[in-house]
PDB file of N, CA and C in Angstrom:
ATOM      1  N   MET A   1      11.271 102.078 -57.258  1.00  0.00           N
ATOM      2  CA  MET A   1      10.792 101.048 -57.287  1.00  0.00           C
ATOM      3  C   MET A   1      10.625 100.553 -55.685  1.00  0.00           C
ATOM      4  N   SER A   2       8.145 100.784 -55.872  1.00  0.00           N
ATOM      5  CA  SER A   2       8.406 100.188 -54.260  1.00  0.00           C
ATOM      6  C   SER A   2       6.728  99.342 -54.899  1.00  0.00           C
ATOM      7  N   ALA A   3       6.918  98.618 -53.766  1.00  0.00           N
ATOM      8  CA  ALA A   3       5.408  97.726 -53.456  1.00  0.00           C
ATOM      9  C   ALA A   3       3.993  98.159 -53.587  1.00  0.00           C
ATOM     10  N   TRP A   4       3.235  98.500 -54.037  1.00  0.00           N
ATOM     11  CA  TRP A   4       2.153  98.512 -53.826  1.00  0.00           C
ATOM     12  C   TRP A   4       0.897  97.953 -53.503  1.00  0.00           C
ATOM     13  N   PRO A   5      -0.101  97.611 -52.200  1.00  0.00           N
ATOM     14  CA  PRO A   5      -0.851  97.422 -51.758  1.00  0.00           C
ATOM     15  C   PRO A   5      -1.791  97.873 -52.463  1.00  0.00           C
ATOM     16  N   ILE A   6      -2.949  97.292 -53.306  1.00  0.00           N
ATOM     17  CA  ILE A   6      -4.267  97.890 -53.477  1.00  0.00           C
ATOM     18  C   ILE A   6      -5.690  97.211 -53.961  1.00  0.00           C
ATOM     19  N   THR A   7      -6.034  97.417 -53.064  1.00  0.00           N
ATOM     20  CA  THR A   7      -8.052  96.648 -53.033  1.00  0.00           C
ATOM     21  C   THR A   7      -8.346  97.323 -53.717  1.00  0.00           C
ATOM     22  N   GLY A   8      -9.799  96.231 -54.787  1.00  0.00           N
ATOM     23  CA  GLY A   8     -10.897  96.758 -55.490  1.00  0.00           C
ATOM     24  C   GLY A   8      -9.884  97.151 -57.299  1.00  0.00           C
ATOM     25  N   CYS A   9      -8.434  96.205 -57.256  1.00  0.00           N
ATOM     26  CA  CYS A   9      -7.814  96.211 -58.730  1.00  0.00           C
ATOM     27  C   CYS A   9      -8.940  95.872 -59.949  1.00  0.00           C
ATOM     28  N   SER A  10      -9.972  95.300 -59.907  1.00  0.00           N
ATOM     29  CA  SER A  10     -11.426  94.982 -60.138  1.00  0.00           C
ATOM     30  C   SER A  10     -11.827  96.318 -61.516  1.00  0.00           C
ATOM     31  N   THR A  11     -12.247  97.146 -61.538  1.00  0.00           N
ATOM     32  CA  THR A  11     -13.122  98.255 -61.764  1.00  0.00           C
ATOM     33  C   THR A  11     -12.415  99.385 -61.073  1.00  0.00           C
ATOM     34  N   GLY A  12     -12.741 101.032 -61.994  1.00  0.00           N
ATOM     35  CA  GLY A  12     -13.341 101.996 -60.725  1.00  0.00           C
ATOM     36  C   GLY A  12     -11.342 102.683 -61.100  1.00  0.00           C
ATOM     37  N   ILE A  13     -11.747 103.417 -59.436  1.00  0.00           N
ATOM     38  CA  ILE A  13     -10.254 103.757 -59.196  1.00  0.00           C
ATOM     39  C   ILE A  13      -9.216 102.905 -58.778  1.00  0.00           C
ATOM     40  N   GLY A  14      -9.398 101.886 -58.008  1.00  0.00           N
ATOM     41  CA  GLY A  14      -8.936 100.963 -57.601  1.00  0.00           C
ATOM     42  C   GLY A  14      -8.056 101.101 -59.100  1.00  0.00           C
ATOM     43  N   ARG A  15      -8.795 100.067 -60.211  1.00  0.00           N
ATOM     44  CA  ARG A  15      -8.143  99.815 -60.908  1.00  0.00           C
ATOM     45  C   ARG A  15      -7.027 100.363 -61.832  1.00  0.00           C
ATOM     46  N   GLU A  16      -7.386 101.995 -61.832  1.00  0.00           N
ATOM     47  CA  GLU A  16      -7.082 102.686 -62.431  1.00  0.00           C
ATOM     48  C   GLU A  16      -5.211 103.722 -61.876  1.00  0.00           C
ATOM     49  N   ILE A  17      -5.545 103.171 -60.978  1.00  0.00           N
ATOM     50  CA  ILE A  17      -4.645 103.355 -59.818  1.00  0.00           C
ATOM     51  C   ILE A  17      -3.500 102.583 -59.753  1.00  0.00           C
ATOM     52  N   ALA A  18      -4.128 101.605 -59.202  1.00  0.00           N
ATOM     53  CA  ALA A  18      -2.782 100.115 -60.396  1.00  0.00           C
ATOM     54  C   ALA A  18      -2.244 100.273 -61.257  1.00  0.00           C
ATOM     55  N   ARG A  19      -3.219 100.388 -62.904  1.00  0.00           N
ATOM     56  CA  ARG A  19      -2.683 100.846 -63.737  1.00  0.00           C
ATOM     57  C   ARG A  19      -1.577 101.838 -63.803  1.00  0.00           C
ATOM     58  N   ALA A  20      -1.470 102.882 -62.799  1.00  0.00           N
ATOM     59  CA  ALA A  20      -0.806 103.887 -62.721  1.00  0.00           C
ATOM     60  C   ALA A  20       0.446 103.273 -62.204  1.00  0.00           C
ATOM     61  N   ALA A  21       0.473 103.275 -61.160  1.00  0.00           N
ATOM     62  CA  ALA A  21       1.515 102.465 -60.731  1.00  0.00           C
ATOM     63  C   ALA A  21       2.050 101.696 -61.203  1.00  0.00           C
ATOM     64  N   LEU A  22       1.704 100.717 -62.230  1.00  0.00           N
ATOM     65  CA  LEU A  22       2.886  99.675 -62.997  1.00  0.00           C
ATOM     66  C   LEU A  22       2.990 100.548 -64.398  1.00  0.00           C
ATOM     67  N   GLU A  23       2.710 101.688 -64.512  1.00  0.00           N
ATOM     68  CA  GLU A  23       3.664 102.355 -66.127  1.00  0.00           C
ATOM     69  C   GLU A  23       4.340 103.175 -64.890  1.00  0.00           C
ATOM     70  N   ALA A  24       4.192 103.088 -63.403  1.00  0.00           N
ATOM     71  CA  ALA A  24       5.247 104.472 -62.986  1.00  0.00           C
ATOM     72  C   ALA A  24       6.612 103.048 -62.960  1.00  0.00           C
ATOM     73  N   GLY A  25       6.353 102.104 -63.080  1.00  0.00           N
ATOM     74  CA  GLY A  25       7.539 100.728 -62.675  1.00  0.00           C
ATOM     75  C   GLY A  25       7.359 100.432 -60.553  1.00  0.00           C
ATOM     76  N   HIS A  26       6.312 100.181 -60.482  1.00  0.00           N
ATOM     77  CA  HIS A  26       6.203 100.286 -59.379  1.00  0.00           C
ATOM     78  C   HIS A  26       5.549  98.745 -59.172  1.00  0.00           C
ATOM     79  N   HIS A  27       5.786  97.720 -58.100  1.00  0.00           N
ATOM     80  CA  HIS A  27       5.048  96.862 -58.411  1.00  0.00           C
ATOM     81  C   HIS A  27       3.310  96.343 -57.662  1.00  0.00           C
ATOM     82  N   VAL A  28       3.147  95.580 -57.596  1.00  0.00           N
ATOM     83  CA  VAL A  28       1.390  96.385 -57.273  1.00  0.00           C
ATOM     84  C   VAL A  28       1.349  94.872 -57.132  1.00  0.00           C
ATOM     85  N   ALA A  29       0.646  95.012 -55.870  1.00  0.00           N
ATOM     86  CA  ALA A  29      -0.125  93.814 -55.206  1.00  0.00           C
ATOM     87  C   ALA A  29      -1.954  93.831 -55.321  1.00  0.00           C
ATOM     88  N   ALA A  30      -2.210  93.403 -56.676  1.00  0.00           N
ATOM     89  CA  ALA A  30      -3.842  93.730 -56.519  1.00  0.00           C
ATOM     90  C   ALA A  30      -4.694  91.934 -55.930  1.00  0.00           C
ATOM     91  N   THR A  31      -5.985  93.271 -55.290  1.00  0.00           N
ATOM     92  CA  THR A  31      -6.853  92.653 -54.858  1.00  0.00           C
ATOM     93  C   THR A  31      -8.326  92.337 -55.091  1.00  0.00           C
ATOM     94  N   ALA A  32      -9.721  91.940 -55.461  1.00  0.00           N
ATOM     95  CA  ALA A  32     -10.528  92.200 -55.866  1.00  0.00           C
ATOM     96  C   ALA A  32     -11.556  90.546 -55.354  1.00  0.00           C
ATOM     97  N   ARG A  33     -13.350  91.489 -54.825  1.00  0.00           N
ATOM     98  CA  ARG A  33     -13.848  90.119 -54.574  1.00  0.00           C
ATOM     99  C   ARG A  33     -13.680  89.467 -55.451  1.00  0.00           C
ATOM    100  N   ARG A  34     -14.168  89.080 -56.533  1.00  0.00           N
ATOM    101  CA  ARG A  34     -14.129  87.828 -57.607  1.00  0.00           C
ATOM    102  C   ARG A  34     -12.748  87.640 -58.255  1.00  0.00           C
ATOM    103  N   LYS A  35     -12.728  86.366 -58.398  1.00  0.00           N
ATOM    104  CA  LYS A  35     -11.186  85.968 -58.443  1.00  0.00           C
ATOM    105  C   LYS A  35     -11.518  86.331 -59.911  1.00  0.00           C
ATOM    106  N   ASP A  36     -12.763  86.084 -60.886  1.00  0.00           N
ATOM    107  CA  ASP A  36     -12.326  85.992 -62.262  1.00  0.00           C
ATOM    108  C   ASP A  36     -12.138  87.785 -63.093  1.00  0.00           C
ATOM    109  N   ALA A  37     -12.220  88.417 -61.199  1.00  0.00           N
ATOM    110  CA  ALA A  37     -11.638  90.047 -61.897  1.00  0.00           C
ATOM    111  C   ALA A  37     -10.079  89.926 -61.786  1.00  0.00           C
ATOM    112  N   VAL A  38      -9.975  90.061 -60.621  1.00  0.00           N
ATOM    113  CA  VAL A  38      -8.178  89.273 -61.087  1.00  0.00           C
ATOM    114  C   VAL A  38      -7.573  88.574 -61.646  1.00  0.00           C
ATOM    115  N   SER A  39      -8.629  87.520 -62.600  1.00  0.00           N
ATOM    116  CA  SER A  39      -7.449  86.993 -64.036  1.00  0.00           C
ATOM    117  C   SER A  39      -7.586  88.434 -64.994  1.00  0.00           C
ATOM    118  N   ASP A  40      -8.821  88.328 -65.879  1.00  0.00           N
ATOM    119  CA  ASP A  40      -8.308  89.634 -66.797  1.00  0.00           C
ATOM    120  C   ASP A  40      -8.106  90.937 -65.468  1.00  0.00           C
ATOM    121  N   PHE A  41      -7.478  91.524 -64.368  1.00  0.00           N
ATOM    122  CA  PHE A  41      -6.410  92.521 -64.441  1.00  0.00           C
ATOM    123  C   PHE A  41      -5.281  91.679 -64.769  1.00  0.00           C
ATOM    124  N   VAL A  42      -4.757  91.116 -64.198  1.00  0.00           N
ATOM    125  CA  VAL A  42      -3.357  89.898 -64.622  1.00  0.00           C
ATOM    126  C   VAL A  42      -3.681  89.985 -66.266  1.00  0.00           C
ATOM    127  N   ASP A  43      -4.397  89.513 -67.496  1.00  0.00           N
ATOM    128  CA  ASP A  43      -4.538  89.492 -68.372  1.00  0.00           C
ATOM    129  C   ASP A  43      -4.156  90.704 -69.265  1.00  0.00           C
ATOM    130  N   GLU A  44      -4.722  91.728 -68.611  1.00  0.00           N
ATOM    131  CA  GLU A  44      -3.952  92.505 -68.982  1.00  0.00           C
ATOM    132  C   GLU A  44      -3.007  93.499 -68.907  1.00  0.00           C
ATOM    133  N   PHE A  45      -2.134  93.467 -67.764  1.00  0.00           N
ATOM    134  CA  PHE A  45      -1.529  93.660 -67.306  1.00  0.00           C
ATOM    135  C   PHE A  45      -0.239  92.998 -66.776  1.00  0.00           C
ATOM    136  N   GLY A  46      -0.330  91.931 -66.757  1.00  0.00           N
ATOM    137  CA  GLY A  46       0.332  91.006 -66.280  1.00  0.00           C
ATOM    138  C   GLY A  46       0.873  90.438 -64.878  1.00  0.00           C
ATOM    139  N   ASP A  47       2.151  89.185 -65.053  1.00  0.00           N
ATOM    140  CA  ASP A  47       1.967  88.939 -63.558  1.00  0.00           C
ATOM    141  C   ASP A  47       2.699  89.287 -62.769  1.00  0.00           C
TER     142      ASP A  47
END
């Protein structure tokens, strides 16, 4: 298992890369420009 820093996780390819990494069992450090977008990401994928 490794840690993946991924920017732009609120939508698009960043979100899909983060989803794939999490499903593969990796840790993800997700960032986005809007705080609410990161909150939505955490709500969907967990902390």
